[in-house]
PDB file of N, CA and C in Angstrom:
ATOM      1  N   MET A   1      89.923 118.670 111.224  1.00  0.00           N
ATOM      2  CA  MET A   1      90.943 118.371 110.081  1.00  0.00           C
ATOM      3  C   MET A   1      89.620 117.304 109.675  1.00  0.00           C
ATOM      4  N   ASN A   2      89.444 118.072 107.826  1.00  0.00           N
ATOM      5  CA  ASN A   2      89.186 116.860 106.623  1.00  0.00           C
ATOM      6  C   ASN A   2      88.998 116.538 106.951  1.00  0.00           C
ATOM      7  N   CYS A   3      88.495 114.976 105.541  1.00  0.00           N
ATOM      8  CA  CYS A   3      88.634 113.654 105.082  1.00  0.00           C
ATOM      9  C   CYS A   3      90.043 114.919 103.608  1.00  0.00           C
ATOM     10  N   THR A   4      89.299 115.342 103.468  1.00  0.00           N
ATOM     11  CA  THR A   4      89.399 116.037 101.988  1.00  0.00           C
ATOM     12  C   THR A   4      91.371 116.106 101.389  1.00  0.00           C
ATOM     13  N   PRO A   5      91.886 115.806 102.001  1.00  0.00           N
ATOM     14  CA  PRO A   5      93.184 116.427 102.035  1.00  0.00           C
ATOM     15  C   PRO A   5      93.754 115.053 102.007  1.00  0.00           C
ATOM     16  N   ARG A   6      93.442 114.359 102.900  1.00  0.00           N
ATOM     17  CA  ARG A   6      93.626 113.326 103.240  1.00  0.00           C
ATOM     18  C   ARG A   6      93.690 111.995 102.062  1.00  0.00           C
ATOM     19  N   LEU A   7      92.914 111.895 101.336  1.00  0.00           N
ATOM     20  CA  LEU A   7      92.211 111.244 100.349  1.00  0.00           C
ATOM     21  C   LEU A   7      92.676 112.033  98.221  1.00  0.00           C
ATOM     22  N   ARG A   8      93.401 113.091  98.697  1.00  0.00           N
ATOM     23  CA  ARG A   8      94.186 114.514  98.116  1.00  0.00           C
ATOM     24  C   ARG A   8      95.722 113.332  98.005  1.00  0.00           C
ATOM     25  N   ARG A   9      95.983 113.402  99.503  1.00  0.00           N
ATOM     26  CA  ARG A   9      97.453 112.745  99.346  1.00  0.00           C
ATOM     27  C   ARG A   9      97.230 110.998  98.943  1.00  0.00           C
ATOM     28  N   ALA A  10      96.109 110.644  99.568  1.00  0.00           N
ATOM     29  CA  ALA A  10      96.540 108.834  99.321  1.00  0.00           C
ATOM     30  C   ALA A  10      96.494 108.294  98.449  1.00  0.00           C
ATOM     31  N   ARG A  11      96.755 109.681  96.861  1.00  0.00           N
ATOM     32  CA  ARG A  11      95.925 109.234  95.545  1.00  0.00           C
ATOM     33  C   ARG A  11      97.514 109.314  95.380  1.00  0.00           C
ATOM     34  N   GLY A  12      98.057 110.050  95.591  1.00  0.00           N
ATOM     35  CA  GLY A  12      99.853 110.463  95.179  1.00  0.00           C
ATOM     36  C   GLY A  12     100.057 108.998  95.748  1.00  0.00           C
ATOM     37  N   PHE A  13     100.448 108.302  96.911  1.00  0.00           N
ATOM     38  CA  PHE A  13     101.162 107.955  97.511  1.00  0.00           C
ATOM     39  C   PHE A  13     101.212 106.737  96.892  1.00  0.00           C
ATOM     40  N   THR A  14      99.728 106.934  96.610  1.00  0.00           N
ATOM     41  CA  THR A  14      99.087 105.134  95.976  1.00  0.00           C
ATOM     42  C   THR A  14     100.006 104.739  94.595  1.00  0.00           C
ATOM     43  N   LEU A  15     100.439 105.795  94.177  1.00  0.00           N
ATOM     44  CA  LEU A  15     100.685 105.639  92.485  1.00  0.00           C
ATOM     45  C   LEU A  15     102.025 105.531  92.926  1.00  0.00           C
ATOM     46  N   ILE A  16     102.734 106.510  93.267  1.00  0.00           N
ATOM     47  CA  ILE A  16     104.247 106.369  94.109  1.00  0.00           C
ATOM     48  C   ILE A  16     104.224 104.718  94.532  1.00  0.00           C
ATOM     49  N   GLU A  17     103.349 104.033  95.847  1.00  0.00           N
ATOM     50  CA  GLU A  17     103.507 102.716  96.002  1.00  0.00           C
ATOM     51  C   GLU A  17     103.195 101.061  94.888  1.00  0.00           C
ATOM     52  N   LEU A  18     102.114 101.699  93.729  1.00  0.00           N
ATOM     53  CA  LEU A  18     102.412 101.114  92.697  1.00  0.00           C
ATOM     54  C   LEU A  18     103.420 101.024  92.553  1.00  0.00           C
ATOM     55  N   LEU A  19     104.450 102.168  92.264  1.00  0.00           N
ATOM     56  CA  LEU A  19     105.614 101.574  91.306  1.00  0.00           C
ATOM     57  C   LEU A  19     106.746 101.171  91.649  1.00  0.00           C
ATOM     58  N   VAL A  20     106.756 100.506  93.522  1.00  0.00           N
ATOM     59  CA  VAL A  20     108.191 100.333  94.454  1.00  0.00           C
ATOM     60  C   VAL A  20     107.136  99.568  94.135  1.00  0.00           C
ATOM     61  N   VAL A  21     105.871  98.979  94.570  1.00  0.00           N
ATOM     62  CA  VAL A  21     105.393  97.140  94.407  1.00  0.00           C
ATOM     63  C   VAL A  21     106.414  96.309  93.786  1.00  0.00           C
ATOM     64  N   ILE A  22     105.933  97.375  92.548  1.00  0.00           N
ATOM     65  CA  ILE A  22     105.740  96.898  90.044  1.00  0.00           C
ATOM     66  C   ILE A  22     107.533  96.184  90.781  1.00  0.00           C
ATOM     67  N   ALA A  23     108.612  97.574  90.684  1.00  0.00           N
ATOM     68  CA  ALA A  23     109.774  96.887  91.433  1.00  0.00           C
ATOM     69  C   ALA A  23     110.203  96.447  92.132  1.00  0.00           C
ATOM     70  N   ILE A  24     109.861  95.996  92.994  1.00  0.00           N
ATOM     71  CA  ILE A  24     110.136  95.011  93.950  1.00  0.00           C
ATOM     72  C   ILE A  24     109.623  93.205  93.457  1.00  0.00           C
ATOM     73  N   ILE A  25     108.810  93.153  92.891  1.00  0.00           N
ATOM     74  CA  ILE A  25     108.343  92.177  91.649  1.00  0.00           C
ATOM     75  C   ILE A  25     108.940  92.489  90.736  1.00  0.00           C
ATOM     76  N   SER A  26     109.362  92.976  89.610  1.00  0.00           N
ATOM     77  CA  SER A  26     110.426  92.687  89.331  1.00  0.00           C
ATOM     78  C   SER A  26     111.576  91.440  89.659  1.00  0.00           C
ATOM     79  N   VAL A  27     112.284  92.335  90.539  1.00  0.00           N
ATOM     80  CA  VAL A  27     112.607  91.872  91.420  1.00  0.00           C
ATOM     81  C   VAL A  27     113.354  90.880  91.853  1.00  0.00           C
ATOM     82  N   LEU A  28     112.028  90.062  91.642  1.00  0.00           N
ATOM     83  CA  LEU A  28     111.800  89.283  92.659  1.00  0.00           C
ATOM     84  C   LEU A  28     111.486  88.221  91.506  1.00  0.00           C
ATOM     85  N   VAL A  29     110.911  88.901  89.702  1.00  0.00           N
ATOM     86  CA  VAL A  29     110.675  87.493  89.187  1.00  0.00           C
ATOM     87  C   VAL A  29     112.366  87.563  89.030  1.00  0.00           C
ATOM     88  N   SER A  30     112.591  87.973  89.096  1.00  0.00           N
ATOM     89  CA  SER A  30     114.181  87.898  87.321  1.00  0.00           C
ATOM     90  C   SER A  30     115.356  87.820  89.342  1.00  0.00           C
TER      91      SER A  30
END
């Protein structure tokens, strides 16, 4: 198992996680 595919998937998940975190913060702030 190479780490290359994991890095590619990590990038995609990072963007999704960022959006989720921002949404949660927005709800907490409001």
